[in-house]
Amino acid sequence: MRKFLTIFTLSLLAVSCIDNDYDLSDIDTDDIGIGDENSVFTCPLMTLRVAVADIVNEQGDLDGILAEADVWLPNRLPDGAEAVDVKRLTGGDGQQAQQAYVQTLLTALQEEIDADASDRKLEQIARQIYAEYREDFLPDYLPVDVDEAEYIAAFRTVYHQQATHDLIWENIELFAARYLTTNLRIDVRPFVLSGIDVGADVRDMIVGGDESKTSLSLFGDIATDLPVSFSAEPSFEAEVEGSDRTLFSFPSFTVFPTAEAPVEIEETSVSADALTVTYQWGENYMASIEGDLLENYYPGRSLDLGQGITINLKVRKKGGLIFNV
């Protein structure tokens, strides 16, 4: 996997606790304080949405990546497992564990192929090879310049011939292992986020005040209905005075595919000036995720373009609010 996995796309960025049309300047008085150092105020910051098409690697988006993985994986995982251990498969638990796991999957794949008199799985593999790899997959034994139906028929014949069976299987093993160990490493496509337009009055109310008597923090939740679990360490960055600066970041967490039960994002302190950047309309900043995005893949669960990852972030201020009017 690449070193960092970037950015969530935004669906409901202009979320705030007070609308910008609410004008505080008409109040004819000095600065107004609400609450004291023991008060706690909470309001939404943003909702971020990652679409399937934004989760990618060099091979394409998540939908296509997992569709090909299904070709090389056995339809029934070893030991009745519900999920593929992507972390182990891609070497996250060490080379020895990776090799043993790959061999377990490939043994199950071969047993499935050889037990199926209809050759359904074998045809699925032959169709994938024809579409993507036929010029590299034993071109001395299989025709290249033919249509798909002829290629699949030839593939079945060569596989079932005693003289060439082992050769064909060894190459299926090679292509399957190479895909499964390298192409399930994916990134989230980068997006640039714009500052939230809540107006200067609301911004100053949230981030202003005596820093010795107030504190700011961010928290929220993250959920996914994708057929994967993943771990990540989100952070938000911006270019400030010509150099990149981390505005705020969160500890690592793991998210499982249960959209109805979001995972809580641990409350994390944030400085007033860092939070101010997110409220500067027209200024751009970035959200990134570092870590191993995929931990498990659940082949039996649905995947369509309407699914994705959703993050909700909120601001919590401890201490009084100041209205500068």
C-alpha atoms as a PDB file:
ATOM      1  CA  MET A   1       0.000   0.000   0.000  1.00  0.00           C
ATOM      2  CA  ARG A   2       1.176   3.510  -0.596  1.00  0.00           C
ATOM      3  CA  LYS A   3       2.384   5.359   2.457  1.00  0.00           C
ATOM      4  CA  PHE A   4      -0.673   7.532   2.849  1.00  0.00           C
ATOM      5  CA  LEU A   5      -4.272   7.275   1.808  1.00  0.00           C
ATOM      6  CA  THR A   6      -5.870  10.576   1.119  1.00  0.00           C
ATOM      7  CA  ILE A   7      -8.879  12.500   1.336  1.00  0.00           C
ATOM      8  CA  PHE A   8     -12.517  12.165   1.789  1.00  0.00           C
ATOM      9  CA  THR A   9     -14.866  13.799  -0.654  1.00  0.00           C
ATOM     10  CA  LEU A  10     -17.356  16.210   0.765  1.00  0.00           C
ATOM     11  CA  SER A  11     -21.111  15.977   0.549  1.00  0.00           C
ATOM     12  CA  LEU A  12     -22.433  18.261   3.301  1.00  0.00           C
ATOM     13  CA  LEU A  13     -19.568  20.613   4.020  1.00  0.00           C
ATOM     14  CA  ALA A  14     -21.583  23.743   4.721  1.00  0.00           C
ATOM     15  CA  VAL A  15     -22.893  22.422   8.027  1.00  0.00           C
ATOM     16  CA  SER A  16     -22.846  24.645  11.088  1.00  0.00           C
ATOM     17  CA  CYS A  17     -24.749  25.268  14.245  1.00  0.00           C
ATOM     18  CA  ILE A  18     -25.771  28.792  13.207  1.00  0.00           C
ATOM     19  CA  ASP A  19     -26.694  30.026   9.735  1.00  0.00           C
ATOM     20  CA  ASN A  20     -24.578  32.795   8.204  1.00  0.00           C
ATOM     21  CA  ASP A  21     -27.734  34.839   7.598  1.00  0.00           C
ATOM     22  CA  TYR A  22     -28.138  35.281  11.348  1.00  0.00           C
ATOM     23  CA  ASP A  23     -26.686  38.768  11.828  1.00  0.00           C
ATOM     24  CA  LEU A  24     -25.289  39.531  15.282  1.00  0.00           C
ATOM     25  CA  SER A  25     -24.152  43.048  14.386  1.00  0.00           C
ATOM     26  CA  ASP A  26     -27.558  44.561  15.037  1.00  0.00           C
ATOM     27  CA  ILE A  27     -27.216  44.006  18.785  1.00  0.00           C
ATOM     28  CA  ASP A  28     -26.397  47.401  20.245  1.00  0.00           C
ATOM     29  CA  THR A  29     -24.147  46.577  23.196  1.00  0.00           C
ATOM     30  CA  ASP A  30     -20.610  45.653  24.131  1.00  0.00           C
ATOM     31  CA  ASP A  31     -19.227  42.127  23.794  1.00  0.00           C
ATOM     32  CA  ILE A  32     -21.639  39.578  25.216  1.00  0.00           C
ATOM     33  CA  GLY A  33     -20.510  36.498  27.131  1.00  0.00           C
ATOM     34  CA  ILE A  34     -22.572  33.341  27.507  1.00  0.00           C
ATOM     35  CA  GLY A  35     -21.578  30.739  30.081  1.00  0.00           C
ATOM     36  CA  ASP A  36     -18.401  30.465  32.101  1.00  0.00           C
ATOM     37  CA  GLU A  37     -15.311  28.253  32.278  1.00  0.00           C
ATOM     38  CA  ASN A  38     -17.501  25.284  33.287  1.00  0.00           C
ATOM     39  CA  SER A  39     -19.845  25.575  30.293  1.00  0.00           C
ATOM     40  CA  VAL A  40     -19.720  23.122  27.375  1.00  0.00           C
ATOM     41  CA  PHE A  41     -20.999  23.935  23.872  1.00  0.00           C
ATOM     42  CA  THR A  42     -21.151  21.473  20.957  1.00  0.00           C
ATOM     43  CA  CYS A  43     -21.946  22.059  17.275  1.00  0.00           C
ATOM     44  CA  PRO A  44     -21.420  20.210  13.969  1.00  0.00           C
ATOM     45  CA  LEU A  45     -18.286  20.916  11.950  1.00  0.00           C
ATOM     46  CA  MET A  46     -18.674  18.849   8.786  1.00  0.00           C
ATOM     47  CA  THR A  47     -19.839  15.625   7.177  1.00  0.00           C
ATOM     48  CA  LEU A  48     -17.399  13.953   4.784  1.00  0.00           C
ATOM     49  CA  ARG A  49     -18.375  11.269   2.280  1.00  0.00           C
ATOM     50  CA  VAL A  50     -16.047   8.895   0.413  1.00  0.00           C
ATOM     51  CA  ALA A  51     -17.589   7.327  -2.682  1.00  0.00           C
ATOM     52  CA  VAL A  52     -16.604   3.929  -4.075  1.00  0.00           C
ATOM     53  CA  ALA A  53     -15.055   5.635  -7.100  1.00  0.00           C
ATOM     54  CA  ASP A  54     -12.686   7.581  -4.836  1.00  0.00           C
ATOM     55  CA  ILE A  55     -11.082   4.443  -3.365  1.00  0.00           C
ATOM     56  CA  VAL A  56      -8.486   3.431  -5.932  1.00  0.00           C
ATOM     57  CA  ASN A  57      -5.159   1.950  -6.926  1.00  0.00           C
ATOM     58  CA  GLU A  58      -3.332   1.695 -10.245  1.00  0.00           C
ATOM     59  CA  GLN A  59      -5.823  -0.939 -11.414  1.00  0.00           C
ATOM     60  CA  GLY A  60      -8.950   1.172 -10.918  1.00  0.00           C
ATOM     61  CA  ASP A  61     -11.549   1.819  -8.239  1.00  0.00           C
ATOM     62  CA  LEU A  62     -12.652  -0.409  -5.386  1.00  0.00           C
ATOM     63  CA  ASP A  63     -15.538  -1.948  -7.326  1.00  0.00           C
ATOM     64  CA  GLY A  64     -13.275  -3.221 -10.104  1.00  0.00           C
ATOM     65  CA  ILE A  65     -10.471  -4.214  -7.723  1.00  0.00           C
ATOM     66  CA  LEU A  66     -12.728  -6.441  -5.629  1.00  0.00           C
ATOM     67  CA  ALA A  67     -14.514  -7.832  -8.693  1.00  0.00           C
ATOM     68  CA  GLU A  68     -11.226  -9.235  -9.992  1.00  0.00           C
ATOM     69  CA  ALA A  69     -10.257 -10.439  -6.524  1.00  0.00           C
ATOM     70  CA  ASP A  70     -13.456 -12.517  -6.560  1.00  0.00           C
ATOM     71  CA  VAL A  71     -12.202 -14.262  -9.703  1.00  0.00           C
ATOM     72  CA  TRP A  72      -8.953 -15.398  -8.067  1.00  0.00           C
ATOM     73  CA  LEU A  73     -10.481 -16.232  -4.681  1.00  0.00           C
ATOM     74  CA  PRO A  74     -12.340 -19.478  -3.963  1.00  0.00           C
ATOM     75  CA  ASN A  75     -16.087 -18.961  -3.717  1.00  0.00           C
ATOM     76  CA  ARG A  76     -16.010 -20.690  -0.338  1.00  0.00           C
ATOM     77  CA  LEU A  77     -13.220 -19.435   1.899  1.00  0.00           C
ATOM     78  CA  PRO A  78     -11.169 -21.968   3.902  1.00  0.00           C
ATOM     79  CA  ASP A  79     -12.483 -23.017   7.331  1.00  0.00           C
ATOM     80  CA  GLY A  80     -15.826 -21.357   6.664  1.00  0.00           C
ATOM     81  CA  ALA A  81     -14.355 -17.856   7.053  1.00  0.00           C
ATOM     82  CA  GLU A  82     -16.642 -14.947   6.214  1.00  0.00           C
ATOM     83  CA  ALA A  83     -13.850 -12.521   5.320  1.00  0.00           C
ATOM     84  CA  VAL A  84     -10.544 -12.501   3.484  1.00  0.00           C
ATOM     85  CA  ASP A  85      -7.737 -11.368   5.788  1.00  0.00           C
ATOM     86  CA  VAL A  86      -6.366  -8.645   3.503  1.00  0.00           C
ATOM     87  CA  LYS A  87      -3.786  -7.528   6.040  1.00  0.00           C
ATOM     88  CA  ARG A  88      -2.220 -10.999   6.139  1.00  0.00           C
ATOM     89  CA  LEU A  89      -2.664 -11.470   2.404  1.00  0.00           C
ATOM     90  CA  THR A  90      -0.692  -8.309   1.612  1.00  0.00           C
ATOM     91  CA  GLY A  91       2.124  -9.063   4.053  1.00  0.00           C
ATOM     92  CA  GLY A  92       0.994  -7.038   7.059  1.00  0.00           C
ATOM     93  CA  ASP A  93       1.610  -9.976   9.408  1.00  0.00           C
ATOM     94  CA  GLY A  94       4.976 -10.911   7.916  1.00  0.00           C
ATOM     95  CA  GLN A  95       6.148 -12.876   4.896  1.00  0.00           C
ATOM     96  CA  GLN A  96       5.820 -16.326   6.442  1.00  0.00           C
ATOM     97  CA  ALA A  97       2.192 -15.733   7.457  1.00  0.00           C
ATOM     98  CA  GLN A  98       1.481 -14.263   4.015  1.00  0.00           C
ATOM     99  CA  GLN A  99       2.891 -17.271   2.144  1.00  0.00           C
ATOM    100  CA  ALA A 100       0.972 -19.737   4.306  1.00  0.00           C
ATOM    101  CA  TYR A 101      -2.296 -17.838   3.867  1.00  0.00           C
ATOM    102  CA  VAL A 102      -1.882 -17.483   0.103  1.00  0.00           C
ATOM    103  CA  GLN A 103      -1.250 -21.213  -0.210  1.00  0.00           C
ATOM    104  CA  THR A 104      -4.356 -21.978   1.844  1.00  0.00           C
ATOM    105  CA  LEU A 105      -6.490 -19.843  -0.466  1.00  0.00           C
ATOM    106  CA  LEU A 106      -4.973 -21.326  -3.625  1.00  0.00           C
ATOM    107  CA  THR A 107      -5.461 -24.888  -2.407  1.00  0.00           C
ATOM    108  CA  ALA A 108      -9.132 -24.127  -1.791  1.00  0.00           C
ATOM    109  CA  LEU A 109      -9.351 -22.565  -5.261  1.00  0.00           C
ATOM    110  CA  GLN A 110      -7.867 -25.634  -6.958  1.00  0.00           C
ATOM    111  CA  GLU A 111     -10.153 -27.976  -5.048  1.00  0.00           C
ATOM    112  CA  GLU A 112     -13.163 -25.914  -6.110  1.00  0.00           C
ATOM    113  CA  ILE A 113     -12.132 -25.948  -9.771  1.00  0.00           C
ATOM    114  CA  ASP A 114     -11.443 -29.677  -9.872  1.00  0.00           C
ATOM    115  CA  ALA A 115     -14.675 -30.554  -8.041  1.00  0.00           C
ATOM    116  CA  ASP A 116     -16.885 -28.549 -10.407  1.00  0.00           C
ATOM    117  CA  ALA A 117     -17.876 -30.617 -13.433  1.00  0.00           C
ATOM    118  CA  SER A 118     -19.495 -27.544 -15.015  1.00  0.00           C
ATOM    119  CA  ASP A 119     -16.152 -25.671 -15.036  1.00  0.00           C
ATOM    120  CA  ARG A 120     -17.957 -22.523 -13.890  1.00  0.00           C
ATOM    121  CA  LYS A 121     -15.008 -21.238 -11.831  1.00  0.00           C
ATOM    122  CA  LEU A 122     -12.489 -22.279 -14.471  1.00  0.00           C
ATOM    123  CA  GLU A 123     -14.439 -20.365 -17.110  1.00  0.00           C
ATOM    124  CA  GLN A 124     -14.545 -17.304 -14.862  1.00  0.00           C
ATOM    125  CA  ILE A 125     -10.750 -17.410 -14.564  1.00  0.00           C
ATOM    126  CA  ALA A 126     -10.334 -18.009 -18.313  1.00  0.00           C
ATOM    127  CA  ARG A 127     -12.587 -15.028 -19.071  1.00  0.00           C
ATOM    128  CA  GLN A 128     -10.482 -12.762 -16.825  1.00  0.00           C
ATOM    129  CA  ILE A 129      -7.258 -13.976 -18.398  1.00  0.00           C
ATOM    130  CA  TYR A 130      -8.680 -13.420 -21.876  1.00  0.00           C
ATOM    131  CA  ALA A 131      -9.692  -9.850 -21.005  1.00  0.00           C
ATOM    132  CA  GLU A 132      -6.495  -8.798 -19.230  1.00  0.00           C
ATOM    133  CA  TYR A 133      -3.625 -11.252 -19.545  1.00  0.00           C
ATOM    134  CA  ARG A 134      -3.956 -13.551 -22.579  1.00  0.00           C
ATOM    135  CA  GLU A 135      -0.786 -12.328 -24.264  1.00  0.00           C
ATOM    136  CA  ASP A 136       1.203 -13.158 -21.113  1.00  0.00           C
ATOM    137  CA  PHE A 137      -0.557 -16.346 -20.032  1.00  0.00           C
ATOM    138  CA  LEU A 138       1.093 -19.283 -21.850  1.00  0.00           C
ATOM    139  CA  PRO A 139       0.662 -17.915 -25.391  1.00  0.00           C
ATOM    140  CA  ASP A 140       2.510 -20.985 -26.739  1.00  0.00           C
ATOM    141  CA  TYR A 141      -0.272 -23.227 -25.462  1.00  0.00           C
ATOM    142  CA  LEU A 142      -3.361 -21.026 -25.798  1.00  0.00           C
ATOM    143  CA  PRO A 143      -4.582 -19.051 -28.836  1.00  0.00           C
ATOM    144  CA  VAL A 144      -4.379 -15.269 -28.550  1.00  0.00           C
ATOM    145  CA  ASP A 145      -6.102 -13.957 -31.702  1.00  0.00           C
ATOM    146  CA  VAL A 146      -9.500 -15.598 -31.197  1.00  0.00           C
ATOM    147  CA  ASP A 147     -12.795 -14.500 -29.707  1.00  0.00           C
ATOM    148  CA  GLU A 148     -13.619 -15.031 -26.046  1.00  0.00           C
ATOM    149  CA  ALA A 149     -15.747 -18.166 -26.553  1.00  0.00           C
ATOM    150  CA  GLU A 150     -12.986 -19.923 -28.530  1.00  0.00           C
ATOM    151  CA  TYR A 151     -10.386 -18.942 -25.944  1.00  0.00           C
ATOM    152  CA  ILE A 152     -12.442 -20.285 -23.036  1.00  0.00           C
ATOM    153  CA  ALA A 153     -13.089 -23.555 -24.881  1.00  0.00           C
ATOM    154  CA  ALA A 154      -9.357 -23.957 -25.565  1.00  0.00           C
ATOM    155  CA  PHE A 155      -8.543 -23.076 -21.947  1.00  0.00           C
ATOM    156  CA  ARG A 156     -10.853 -25.782 -20.631  1.00  0.00           C
ATOM    157  CA  THR A 157      -9.405 -28.337 -22.996  1.00  0.00           C
ATOM    158  CA  VAL A 158      -5.788 -27.612 -22.108  1.00  0.00           C
ATOM    159  CA  TYR A 159      -6.558 -27.552 -18.374  1.00  0.00           C
ATOM    160  CA  HIS A 160      -8.186 -30.991 -18.457  1.00  0.00           C
ATOM    161  CA  GLN A 161      -5.488 -32.632 -20.562  1.00  0.00           C
ATOM    162  CA  GLN A 162      -3.187 -34.650 -18.331  1.00  0.00           C
ATOM    163  CA  ALA A 163      -0.062 -33.472 -20.139  1.00  0.00           C
ATOM    164  CA  THR A 164      -0.774 -29.770 -19.618  1.00  0.00           C
ATOM    165  CA  HIS A 165      -2.979 -29.701 -16.504  1.00  0.00           C
ATOM    166  CA  ASP A 166      -0.183 -29.011 -14.023  1.00  0.00           C
ATOM    167  CA  LEU A 167       1.358 -26.331 -16.226  1.00  0.00           C
ATOM    168  CA  ILE A 168      -1.935 -24.468 -16.545  1.00  0.00           C
ATOM    169  CA  TRP A 169      -2.615 -24.696 -12.827  1.00  0.00           C
ATOM    170  CA  GLU A 170       0.872 -23.463 -11.903  1.00  0.00           C
ATOM    171  CA  ASN A 171       0.276 -20.376 -13.997  1.00  0.00           C
ATOM    172  CA  ILE A 172      -3.198 -19.828 -12.537  1.00  0.00           C
ATOM    173  CA  GLU A 173      -1.517 -19.976  -9.127  1.00  0.00           C
ATOM    174  CA  LEU A 174       1.102 -17.468 -10.229  1.00  0.00           C
ATOM    175  CA  PHE A 175      -1.392 -14.928 -11.582  1.00  0.00           C
ATOM    176  CA  ALA A 176      -3.774 -15.361  -8.645  1.00  0.00           C
ATOM    177  CA  ALA A 177      -1.050 -14.951  -6.027  1.00  0.00           C
ATOM    178  CA  ARG A 178       0.395 -11.908  -7.764  1.00  0.00           C
ATOM    179  CA  TYR A 179      -2.960 -10.157  -7.965  1.00  0.00           C
ATOM    180  CA  LEU A 180      -4.130 -10.964  -4.455  1.00  0.00           C
ATOM    181  CA  THR A 181      -0.882  -9.974  -2.749  1.00  0.00           C
ATOM    182  CA  THR A 182      -0.343  -6.692  -4.598  1.00  0.00           C
ATOM    183  CA  ASN A 183      -3.617  -5.290  -5.931  1.00  0.00           C
ATOM    184  CA  LEU A 184      -5.617  -5.148  -2.710  1.00  0.00           C
ATOM    185  CA  ARG A 185      -3.403  -2.296  -1.534  1.00  0.00           C
ATOM    186  CA  ILE A 186      -5.516   0.756  -2.213  1.00  0.00           C
ATOM    187  CA  ASP A 187      -5.694   4.490  -1.555  1.00  0.00           C
ATOM    188  CA  VAL A 188      -8.434   7.059  -1.155  1.00  0.00           C
ATOM    189  CA  ARG A 189      -8.266   9.560  -3.987  1.00  0.00           C
ATOM    190  CA  PRO A 190      -7.183  13.054  -2.843  1.00  0.00           C
ATOM    191  CA  PHE A 191      -9.692  15.876  -2.585  1.00  0.00           C
ATOM    192  CA  VAL A 192      -9.294  19.497  -1.601  1.00  0.00           C
ATOM    193  CA  LEU A 193     -11.795  20.856   0.918  1.00  0.00           C
ATOM    194  CA  SER A 194     -12.900  24.488   1.093  1.00  0.00           C
ATOM    195  CA  GLY A 195     -13.420  26.483   4.267  1.00  0.00           C
ATOM    196  CA  ILE A 196     -16.895  26.458   5.788  1.00  0.00           C
ATOM    197  CA  ASP A 197     -18.813  29.689   5.305  1.00  0.00           C
ATOM    198  CA  VAL A 198     -20.467  30.330   8.686  1.00  0.00           C
ATOM    199  CA  GLY A 199     -19.626  34.003   8.861  1.00  0.00           C
ATOM    200  CA  ALA A 200     -17.088  35.856  10.980  1.00  0.00           C
ATOM    201  CA  ASP A 201     -19.480  36.328  13.926  1.00  0.00           C
ATOM    202  CA  VAL A 202     -20.094  32.611  14.354  1.00  0.00           C
ATOM    203  CA  ARG A 203     -16.446  31.727  13.717  1.00  0.00           C
ATOM    204  CA  ASP A 204     -15.262  34.170  16.385  1.00  0.00           C
ATOM    205  CA  MET A 205     -17.888  32.937  18.821  1.00  0.00           C
ATOM    206  CA  ILE A 206     -16.583  29.369  18.498  1.00  0.00           C
ATOM    207  CA  VAL A 207     -12.826  29.957  18.416  1.00  0.00           C
ATOM    208  CA  GLY A 208     -12.631  33.190  20.419  1.00  0.00           C
ATOM    209  CA  GLY A 209     -12.236  33.818  24.111  1.00  0.00           C
ATOM    210  CA  ASP A 210      -9.519  33.645  26.728  1.00  0.00           C
ATOM    211  CA  GLU A 211      -7.475  30.534  25.870  1.00  0.00           C
ATOM    212  CA  SER A 212      -6.561  30.117  29.549  1.00  0.00           C
ATOM    213  CA  LYS A 213     -10.257  29.637  30.332  1.00  0.00           C
ATOM    214  CA  THR A 214     -11.445  27.805  27.198  1.00  0.00           C
ATOM    215  CA  SER A 215     -10.521  24.688  25.266  1.00  0.00           C
ATOM    216  CA  LEU A 216     -11.524  23.285  21.873  1.00  0.00           C
ATOM    217  CA  SER A 217     -11.752  19.692  20.738  1.00  0.00           C
ATOM    218  CA  LEU A 218     -13.053  17.643  17.816  1.00  0.00           C
ATOM    219  CA  PHE A 219     -14.852  14.313  17.921  1.00  0.00           C
ATOM    220  CA  GLY A 220     -17.382  12.398  15.865  1.00  0.00           C
ATOM    221  CA  ASP A 221     -18.017   9.066  14.223  1.00  0.00           C
ATOM    222  CA  ILE A 222     -17.217   7.110  11.079  1.00  0.00           C
ATOM    223  CA  ALA A 223     -19.252   4.398   9.368  1.00  0.00           C
ATOM    224  CA  THR A 224     -19.169   2.376   6.171  1.00  0.00           C
ATOM    225  CA  ASP A 225     -21.531   0.086   4.302  1.00  0.00           C
ATOM    226  CA  LEU A 226     -18.718  -1.187   2.074  1.00  0.00           C
ATOM    227  CA  PRO A 227     -17.873  -4.923   2.305  1.00  0.00           C
ATOM    228  CA  VAL A 228     -14.520  -4.136   3.933  1.00  0.00           C
ATOM    229  CA  SER A 229     -13.035  -3.212   7.293  1.00  0.00           C
ATOM    230  CA  PHE A 230     -10.171  -0.741   7.443  1.00  0.00           C
ATOM    231  CA  SER A 231      -7.862   1.125   9.791  1.00  0.00           C
ATOM    232  CA  ALA A 232      -6.689   4.698   9.450  1.00  0.00           C
ATOM    233  CA  GLU A 233      -5.311   7.772  11.177  1.00  0.00           C
ATOM    234  CA  PRO A 234      -7.140  10.828   9.767  1.00  0.00           C
ATOM    235  CA  SER A 235      -5.446  14.203   9.687  1.00  0.00           C
ATOM    236  CA  PHE A 236      -6.266  17.595   8.228  1.00  0.00           C
ATOM    237  CA  GLU A 237      -3.584  19.727   6.634  1.00  0.00           C
ATOM    238  CA  ALA A 238      -3.329  23.177   5.068  1.00  0.00           C
ATOM    239  CA  GLU A 239      -0.701  25.386   3.507  1.00  0.00           C
ATOM    240  CA  VAL A 240      -0.026  28.179   5.969  1.00  0.00           C
ATOM    241  CA  GLU A 241       2.437  30.937   5.053  1.00  0.00           C
ATOM    242  CA  GLY A 242       3.969  28.853   2.292  1.00  0.00           C
ATOM    243  CA  SER A 243       4.480  25.601   4.207  1.00  0.00           C
ATOM    244  CA  ASP A 244       2.308  22.584   4.953  1.00  0.00           C
ATOM    245  CA  ARG A 245       0.890  22.417   8.444  1.00  0.00           C
ATOM    246  CA  THR A 246      -1.092  19.706  10.206  1.00  0.00           C
ATOM    247  CA  LEU A 247      -4.173  21.385  11.611  1.00  0.00           C
ATOM    248  CA  PHE A 248      -5.370  18.418  13.652  1.00  0.00           C
ATOM    249  CA  SER A 249      -5.171  14.623  13.604  1.00  0.00           C
ATOM    250  CA  PHE A 250      -6.856  11.682  15.298  1.00  0.00           C
ATOM    251  CA  PRO A 251      -5.551   8.436  16.828  1.00  0.00           C
ATOM    252  CA  SER A 252      -5.787   5.276  14.735  1.00  0.00           C
ATOM    253  CA  PHE A 253      -9.064   3.356  14.715  1.00  0.00           C
ATOM    254  CA  THR A 254     -10.593   0.384  12.900  1.00  0.00           C
ATOM    255  CA  VAL A 255     -13.952   0.576  11.114  1.00  0.00           C
ATOM    256  CA  PHE A 256     -16.076  -2.474  10.384  1.00  0.00           C
ATOM    257  CA  PRO A 257     -18.800  -2.655   7.717  1.00  0.00           C
ATOM    258  CA  THR A 258     -21.752  -1.813   9.932  1.00  0.00           C
ATOM    259  CA  ALA A 259     -23.174   1.506   8.774  1.00  0.00           C
ATOM    260  CA  GLU A 260     -25.912   1.333  11.397  1.00  0.00           C
ATOM    261  CA  ALA A 261     -23.306   1.247  14.203  1.00  0.00           C
ATOM    262  CA  PRO A 262     -20.718   3.997  13.553  1.00  0.00           C
ATOM    263  CA  VAL A 263     -17.324   3.858  15.229  1.00  0.00           C
ATOM    264  CA  GLU A 264     -16.623   6.756  17.558  1.00  0.00           C
ATOM    265  CA  ILE A 265     -13.690   9.027  16.682  1.00  0.00           C
ATOM    266  CA  GLU A 266     -11.795   9.787  19.856  1.00  0.00           C
ATOM    267  CA  GLU A 267     -12.079  13.356  21.091  1.00  0.00           C
ATOM    268  CA  THR A 268      -8.911  15.269  20.210  1.00  0.00           C
ATOM    269  CA  SER A 269      -7.753  18.736  21.219  1.00  0.00           C
ATOM    270  CA  VAL A 270      -7.442  21.406  18.544  1.00  0.00           C
ATOM    271  CA  SER A 271      -6.027  24.911  18.732  1.00  0.00           C
ATOM    272  CA  ALA A 272      -8.164  27.951  17.999  1.00  0.00           C
ATOM    273  CA  ASP A 273      -5.997  29.091  15.085  1.00  0.00           C
ATOM    274  CA  ALA A 274      -6.029  25.608  13.511  1.00  0.00           C
ATOM    275  CA  LEU A 275      -9.808  25.411  13.716  1.00  0.00           C
ATOM    276  CA  THR A 276     -10.043  28.929  12.287  1.00  0.00           C
ATOM    277  CA  VAL A 277      -8.554  27.649   9.007  1.00  0.00           C
ATOM    278  CA  THR A 278     -11.574  25.394   8.466  1.00  0.00           C
ATOM    279  CA  TYR A 279     -13.844  28.418   8.781  1.00  0.00           C
ATOM    280  CA  GLN A 280     -11.999  30.550   6.228  1.00  0.00           C
ATOM    281  CA  TRP A 281     -14.311  30.444   3.237  1.00  0.00           C
ATOM    282  CA  GLY A 282     -12.414  30.298  -0.040  1.00  0.00           C
ATOM    283  CA  GLU A 283      -9.277  28.887   1.600  1.00  0.00           C
ATOM    284  CA  ASN A 284      -8.425  25.275   0.818  1.00  0.00           C
ATOM    285  CA  TYR A 285      -7.205  22.522   3.105  1.00  0.00           C
ATOM    286  CA  MET A 286      -6.871  18.766   2.869  1.00  0.00           C
ATOM    287  CA  ALA A 287      -7.974  15.727   4.844  1.00  0.00           C
ATOM    288  CA  SER A 288      -5.799  12.619   4.643  1.00  0.00           C
ATOM    289  CA  ILE A 289      -5.724   9.136   6.108  1.00  0.00           C
ATOM    290  CA  GLU A 290      -2.497   7.374   6.870  1.00  0.00           C
ATOM    291  CA  GLY A 291      -2.389   3.668   7.612  1.00  0.00           C
ATOM    292  CA  ASP A 292      -3.562   0.392   6.101  1.00  0.00           C
ATOM    293  CA  LEU A 293      -6.916   1.061   4.533  1.00  0.00           C
ATOM    294  CA  LEU A 294      -8.097  -2.537   4.047  1.00  0.00           C
ATOM    295  CA  GLU A 295      -7.937  -5.111   6.823  1.00  0.00           C
ATOM    296  CA  ASN A 296     -10.675  -7.530   5.765  1.00  0.00           C
ATOM    297  CA  TYR A 297     -12.811  -8.104   2.676  1.00  0.00           C
ATOM    298  CA  TYR A 298     -16.230  -9.769   2.920  1.00  0.00           C
ATOM    299  CA  PRO A 299     -16.876 -11.322  -0.540  1.00  0.00           C
ATOM    300  CA  GLY A 300     -20.447 -12.359   0.218  1.00  0.00           C
ATOM    301  CA  ARG A 301     -21.652  -8.793   0.849  1.00  0.00           C
ATOM    302  CA  SER A 302     -23.017  -6.403  -1.755  1.00  0.00           C
ATOM    303  CA  LEU A 303     -21.102  -3.521  -3.318  1.00  0.00           C
ATOM    304  CA  ASP A 304     -22.566  -0.785  -5.507  1.00  0.00           C
ATOM    305  CA  LEU A 305     -21.766   2.797  -6.427  1.00  0.00           C
ATOM    306  CA  GLY A 306     -24.129   4.203  -3.808  1.00  0.00           C
ATOM    307  CA  GLN A 307     -22.061   2.824  -0.948  1.00  0.00           C
ATOM    308  CA  GLY A 308     -19.117   4.493   0.734  1.00  0.00           C
ATOM    309  CA  ILE A 309     -17.614   5.866   3.948  1.00  0.00           C
ATOM    310  CA  THR A 310     -19.154   8.676   6.008  1.00  0.00           C
ATOM    311  CA  ILE A 311     -17.396  10.768   8.659  1.00  0.00           C
ATOM    312  CA  ASN A 312     -19.212  13.198  10.948  1.00  0.00           C
ATOM    313  CA  LEU A 313     -17.113  15.701  12.912  1.00  0.00           C
ATOM    314  CA  LYS A 314     -18.254  18.005  15.709  1.00  0.00           C
ATOM    315  CA  VAL A 315     -16.638  20.811  17.659  1.00  0.00           C
ATOM    316  CA  ARG A 316     -16.779  20.933  21.454  1.00  0.00           C
ATOM    317  CA  LYS A 317     -15.885  24.120  23.312  1.00  0.00           C
ATOM    318  CA  LYS A 318     -15.397  24.194  27.045  1.00  0.00           C
ATOM    319  CA  GLY A 319     -15.687  27.702  28.467  1.00  0.00           C
ATOM    320  CA  GLY A 320     -17.849  30.700  27.690  1.00  0.00           C
ATOM    321  CA  LEU A 321     -18.887  31.953  24.260  1.00  0.00           C
ATOM    322  CA  ILE A 322     -18.084  35.540  23.311  1.00  0.00           C
ATOM    323  CA  PHE A 323     -20.182  37.550  20.858  1.00  0.00           C
ATOM    324  CA  ASN A 324     -18.048  40.330  19.369  1.00  0.00           C
ATOM    325  CA  VAL A 325     -20.667  42.890  18.373  1.00  0.00           C
END
